[in-house]
N, C-alpha and C. Protein backbone atom coordinates (compact mmCIF):
# COMPACT_ATOMS: atom_id res chain seq x y z
N MET A 1 52.86 -123.64 -102.34
CA MET A 1 53.79 -122.55 -102.27
C MET A 1 54.77 -122.57 -103.43
N GLY A 2 55.00 -123.74 -103.97
CA GLY A 2 55.92 -123.86 -105.08
C GLY A 2 55.27 -123.61 -106.44
N GLU A 3 53.97 -123.21 -106.44
CA GLU A 3 53.29 -122.98 -107.70
C GLU A 3 53.73 -121.65 -108.31
N LYS A 4 53.76 -121.63 -109.61
CA LYS A 4 54.19 -120.44 -110.33
C LYS A 4 52.97 -119.78 -110.96
N LEU A 5 52.81 -118.49 -110.74
CA LEU A 5 51.70 -117.74 -111.32
C LEU A 5 52.10 -117.27 -112.71
N VAL A 6 51.31 -117.62 -113.72
CA VAL A 6 51.60 -117.23 -115.09
C VAL A 6 50.67 -116.09 -115.47
N LEU A 7 51.25 -114.91 -115.71
CA LEU A 7 50.44 -113.74 -116.06
C LEU A 7 50.16 -113.68 -117.56
N PHE A 8 51.10 -114.10 -118.36
CA PHE A 8 50.93 -114.05 -119.80
C PHE A 8 51.21 -115.43 -120.37
N LYS A 9 50.36 -115.82 -121.30
CA LYS A 9 50.59 -117.08 -121.99
C LYS A 9 51.83 -116.92 -122.85
N LYS A 10 52.71 -117.88 -122.76
CA LYS A 10 53.93 -117.81 -123.55
C LYS A 10 53.61 -117.94 -125.03
N ARG A 11 54.16 -117.06 -125.80
CA ARG A 11 53.91 -117.04 -127.25
C ARG A 11 54.75 -118.08 -127.95
N GLU A 12 54.09 -118.82 -128.81
CA GLU A 12 54.81 -119.80 -129.62
C GLU A 12 55.72 -119.03 -130.58
N PRO A 13 56.92 -119.55 -130.85
CA PRO A 13 57.88 -118.84 -131.70
C PRO A 13 57.36 -118.54 -133.10
N ASN A 14 56.59 -119.41 -133.67
CA ASN A 14 56.10 -119.19 -135.03
C ASN A 14 54.57 -119.22 -135.02
N ASP A 15 53.99 -118.34 -134.25
CA ASP A 15 52.54 -118.22 -134.18
C ASP A 15 52.10 -117.24 -135.28
N THR A 16 51.93 -117.78 -136.47
CA THR A 16 51.63 -116.92 -137.62
C THR A 16 50.27 -116.27 -137.52
N GLU A 17 49.32 -116.95 -136.87
CA GLU A 17 47.99 -116.34 -136.72
C GLU A 17 48.07 -115.08 -135.86
N LEU A 18 48.84 -115.13 -134.78
CA LEU A 18 49.00 -113.96 -133.92
C LEU A 18 49.73 -112.84 -134.68
N ASP A 19 50.74 -113.21 -135.45
CA ASP A 19 51.44 -112.21 -136.26
C ASP A 19 50.50 -111.54 -137.25
N ASP A 20 49.65 -112.33 -137.90
CA ASP A 20 48.68 -111.78 -138.85
C ASP A 20 47.69 -110.87 -138.14
N LEU A 21 47.24 -111.28 -136.96
CA LEU A 21 46.31 -110.45 -136.20
C LEU A 21 46.95 -109.13 -135.81
N LEU A 22 48.20 -109.17 -135.38
CA LEU A 22 48.89 -107.93 -134.99
C LEU A 22 49.10 -107.01 -136.19
N ARG A 23 49.41 -107.59 -137.34
CA ARG A 23 49.55 -106.77 -138.55
C ARG A 23 48.21 -106.13 -138.92
N SER A 24 47.15 -106.91 -138.85
CA SER A 24 45.81 -106.39 -139.15
C SER A 24 45.41 -105.30 -138.16
N LEU A 25 45.75 -105.49 -136.91
CA LEU A 25 45.45 -104.51 -135.88
C LEU A 25 46.17 -103.20 -136.17
N SER A 26 47.44 -103.27 -136.51
CA SER A 26 48.22 -102.09 -136.84
C SER A 26 47.68 -101.40 -138.10
N HIS A 27 47.34 -102.20 -139.11
CA HIS A 27 46.79 -101.65 -140.35
C HIS A 27 45.45 -100.95 -140.09
N THR A 28 44.61 -101.55 -139.29
CA THR A 28 43.31 -100.96 -138.96
C THR A 28 43.49 -99.66 -138.19
N GLN A 29 44.48 -99.63 -137.32
CA GLN A 29 44.77 -98.40 -136.58
C GLN A 29 45.14 -97.27 -137.54
N ARG A 30 45.97 -97.56 -138.53
CA ARG A 30 46.33 -96.54 -139.53
C ARG A 30 45.11 -96.10 -140.32
N GLU A 31 44.23 -97.06 -140.66
CA GLU A 31 43.02 -96.71 -141.39
C GLU A 31 42.11 -95.79 -140.57
N ILE A 32 42.04 -96.02 -139.27
CA ILE A 32 41.23 -95.16 -138.40
C ILE A 32 41.80 -93.74 -138.40
N GLU A 33 43.11 -93.62 -138.28
CA GLU A 33 43.75 -92.31 -138.30
C GLU A 33 43.48 -91.58 -139.62
N GLN A 34 43.56 -92.29 -140.73
CA GLN A 34 43.30 -91.69 -142.03
C GLN A 34 41.84 -91.26 -142.16
N ALA A 35 40.93 -92.09 -141.65
CA ALA A 35 39.50 -91.73 -141.70
C ALA A 35 39.21 -90.49 -140.87
N TYR A 36 39.86 -90.38 -139.71
CA TYR A 36 39.70 -89.17 -138.89
C TYR A 36 40.24 -87.94 -139.63
N ASN A 37 41.36 -88.09 -140.33
CA ASN A 37 41.90 -86.97 -141.10
C ASN A 37 40.93 -86.54 -142.20
N ARG A 38 40.36 -87.50 -142.90
CA ARG A 38 39.39 -87.16 -143.95
C ARG A 38 38.16 -86.49 -143.33
N PHE A 39 37.70 -87.01 -142.20
CA PHE A 39 36.55 -86.43 -141.50
C PHE A 39 36.82 -84.98 -141.11
N ASN A 40 38.02 -84.72 -140.60
CA ASN A 40 38.36 -83.36 -140.14
C ASN A 40 38.37 -82.34 -141.26
N PHE A 41 38.57 -82.75 -142.49
CA PHE A 41 38.64 -81.81 -143.60
C PHE A 41 37.42 -81.85 -144.51
N ALA A 42 36.44 -82.66 -144.16
CA ALA A 42 35.23 -82.76 -144.98
C ALA A 42 34.29 -81.60 -144.67
N SER A 43 33.68 -81.07 -145.71
CA SER A 43 32.72 -79.99 -145.49
C SER A 43 31.32 -80.37 -145.98
N ASP A 44 31.23 -81.31 -146.87
CA ASP A 44 29.95 -81.74 -147.39
C ASP A 44 29.28 -82.65 -146.37
N PRO A 45 28.02 -82.39 -146.02
CA PRO A 45 27.33 -83.19 -145.01
C PRO A 45 27.28 -84.69 -145.33
N ASP A 46 27.14 -85.03 -146.61
CA ASP A 46 27.12 -86.45 -146.98
C ASP A 46 28.47 -87.11 -146.73
N LEU A 47 29.55 -86.39 -147.01
CA LEU A 47 30.88 -86.95 -146.75
C LEU A 47 31.13 -87.08 -145.25
N VAL A 48 30.71 -86.09 -144.48
CA VAL A 48 30.87 -86.15 -143.03
C VAL A 48 30.16 -87.39 -142.50
N GLU A 49 28.93 -87.60 -142.95
CA GLU A 49 28.17 -88.76 -142.50
C GLU A 49 28.86 -90.06 -142.89
N SER A 50 29.39 -90.13 -144.11
CA SER A 50 30.05 -91.36 -144.55
C SER A 50 31.30 -91.63 -143.73
N TYR A 51 32.03 -90.58 -143.34
CA TYR A 51 33.23 -90.78 -142.53
C TYR A 51 32.87 -91.22 -141.11
N VAL A 52 31.75 -90.74 -140.59
CA VAL A 52 31.30 -91.19 -139.27
C VAL A 52 31.04 -92.70 -139.30
N TYR A 53 30.37 -93.16 -140.34
CA TYR A 53 30.10 -94.60 -140.47
C TYR A 53 31.39 -95.39 -140.68
N GLU A 54 32.29 -94.83 -141.47
CA GLU A 54 33.56 -95.51 -141.73
C GLU A 54 34.37 -95.65 -140.43
N ILE A 55 34.44 -94.58 -139.66
CA ILE A 55 35.18 -94.61 -138.40
C ILE A 55 34.56 -95.63 -137.44
N SER A 56 33.24 -95.62 -137.36
CA SER A 56 32.55 -96.56 -136.49
C SER A 56 32.84 -98.01 -136.91
N SER A 57 32.79 -98.26 -138.18
CA SER A 57 33.06 -99.59 -138.71
C SER A 57 34.50 -100.03 -138.40
N LEU A 58 35.45 -99.14 -138.61
CA LEU A 58 36.85 -99.45 -138.35
C LEU A 58 37.10 -99.69 -136.86
N GLN A 59 36.43 -98.93 -136.02
CA GLN A 59 36.60 -99.14 -134.58
C GLN A 59 36.04 -100.50 -134.15
N CYS A 60 34.95 -100.91 -134.77
CA CYS A 60 34.41 -102.25 -134.48
C CYS A 60 35.40 -103.33 -134.90
N ARG A 61 36.01 -103.16 -136.07
CA ARG A 61 37.01 -104.13 -136.54
C ARG A 61 38.22 -104.13 -135.61
N TYR A 62 38.65 -102.94 -135.20
CA TYR A 62 39.79 -102.84 -134.28
C TYR A 62 39.50 -103.58 -132.98
N ASN A 63 38.31 -103.37 -132.42
CA ASN A 63 37.94 -104.04 -131.17
C ASN A 63 37.91 -105.55 -131.33
N TYR A 64 37.39 -106.02 -132.46
CA TYR A 64 37.36 -107.45 -132.74
C TYR A 64 38.79 -108.01 -132.80
N LEU A 65 39.66 -107.35 -133.55
CA LEU A 65 41.03 -107.82 -133.68
C LEU A 65 41.76 -107.80 -132.34
N LEU A 66 41.54 -106.76 -131.56
CA LEU A 66 42.17 -106.67 -130.26
C LEU A 66 41.71 -107.80 -129.34
N ARG A 67 40.43 -108.11 -129.39
CA ARG A 67 39.89 -109.22 -128.60
C ARG A 67 40.53 -110.54 -129.03
N ARG A 68 40.68 -110.73 -130.33
CA ARG A 68 41.31 -111.96 -130.85
C ARG A 68 42.77 -112.06 -130.42
N VAL A 69 43.49 -110.93 -130.46
CA VAL A 69 44.89 -110.93 -130.03
C VAL A 69 44.98 -111.33 -128.56
N LYS A 70 44.10 -110.77 -127.74
CA LYS A 70 44.12 -111.10 -126.32
C LYS A 70 43.80 -112.58 -126.10
N GLU A 71 42.86 -113.12 -126.87
CA GLU A 71 42.52 -114.54 -126.77
C GLU A 71 43.71 -115.44 -127.12
N ARG A 72 44.53 -114.97 -128.05
CA ARG A 72 45.69 -115.75 -128.48
C ARG A 72 46.86 -115.57 -127.52
N GLY A 73 46.68 -114.76 -126.49
CA GLY A 73 47.75 -114.57 -125.51
C GLY A 73 48.73 -113.49 -125.90
N GLY A 74 48.33 -112.62 -126.78
CA GLY A 74 49.24 -111.58 -127.25
C GLY A 74 48.96 -110.21 -126.70
N SER A 75 48.38 -110.12 -125.51
CA SER A 75 48.05 -108.81 -124.97
C SER A 75 49.31 -107.97 -124.74
N ALA A 76 50.41 -108.60 -124.37
CA ALA A 76 51.66 -107.87 -124.18
C ALA A 76 52.15 -107.34 -125.52
N ALA A 77 51.99 -108.13 -126.58
CA ALA A 77 52.42 -107.70 -127.91
C ALA A 77 51.54 -106.58 -128.42
N ALA A 78 50.25 -106.61 -128.12
CA ALA A 78 49.33 -105.57 -128.58
C ALA A 78 49.64 -104.23 -127.92
N ARG A 79 50.20 -104.28 -126.71
CA ARG A 79 50.54 -103.04 -126.02
C ARG A 79 51.63 -102.28 -126.74
N THR A 80 52.41 -102.95 -127.56
CA THR A 80 53.52 -102.30 -128.24
C THR A 80 53.07 -101.50 -129.46
N LEU A 81 51.80 -101.63 -129.85
CA LEU A 81 51.32 -100.88 -130.99
C LEU A 81 51.32 -99.39 -130.63
N PRO A 82 51.87 -98.55 -131.48
CA PRO A 82 51.96 -97.13 -131.15
C PRO A 82 50.58 -96.47 -131.08
N GLY A 83 50.40 -95.62 -130.08
CA GLY A 83 49.18 -94.83 -129.98
C GLY A 83 47.99 -95.53 -129.37
N ARG A 84 48.12 -96.76 -129.00
CA ARG A 84 47.00 -97.51 -128.42
C ARG A 84 47.42 -98.13 -127.11
N GLU A 85 46.52 -98.08 -126.15
CA GLU A 85 46.78 -98.74 -124.88
C GLU A 85 45.78 -99.87 -124.72
N VAL A 86 46.22 -100.95 -124.15
CA VAL A 86 45.36 -102.10 -123.93
C VAL A 86 44.91 -102.10 -122.49
């Protein structure tokens, strides 16, 4: 009865790897938004196709980074990224 349930792993004060992952996650999110903007204004079929592949690739990277952040115990920190829900 005296046991304490821990929902989130406590973040180390100077966890530089988690900080780097969060920066990369935020950067990748901006890249996805930019790729969608380019896709929305493309009219050439070859460019449209290239943007589809670019968006798919960026989403795979985003998912990888998000998984790594969660593994490092930073799921609460990842929730603070604008425009994305975990």
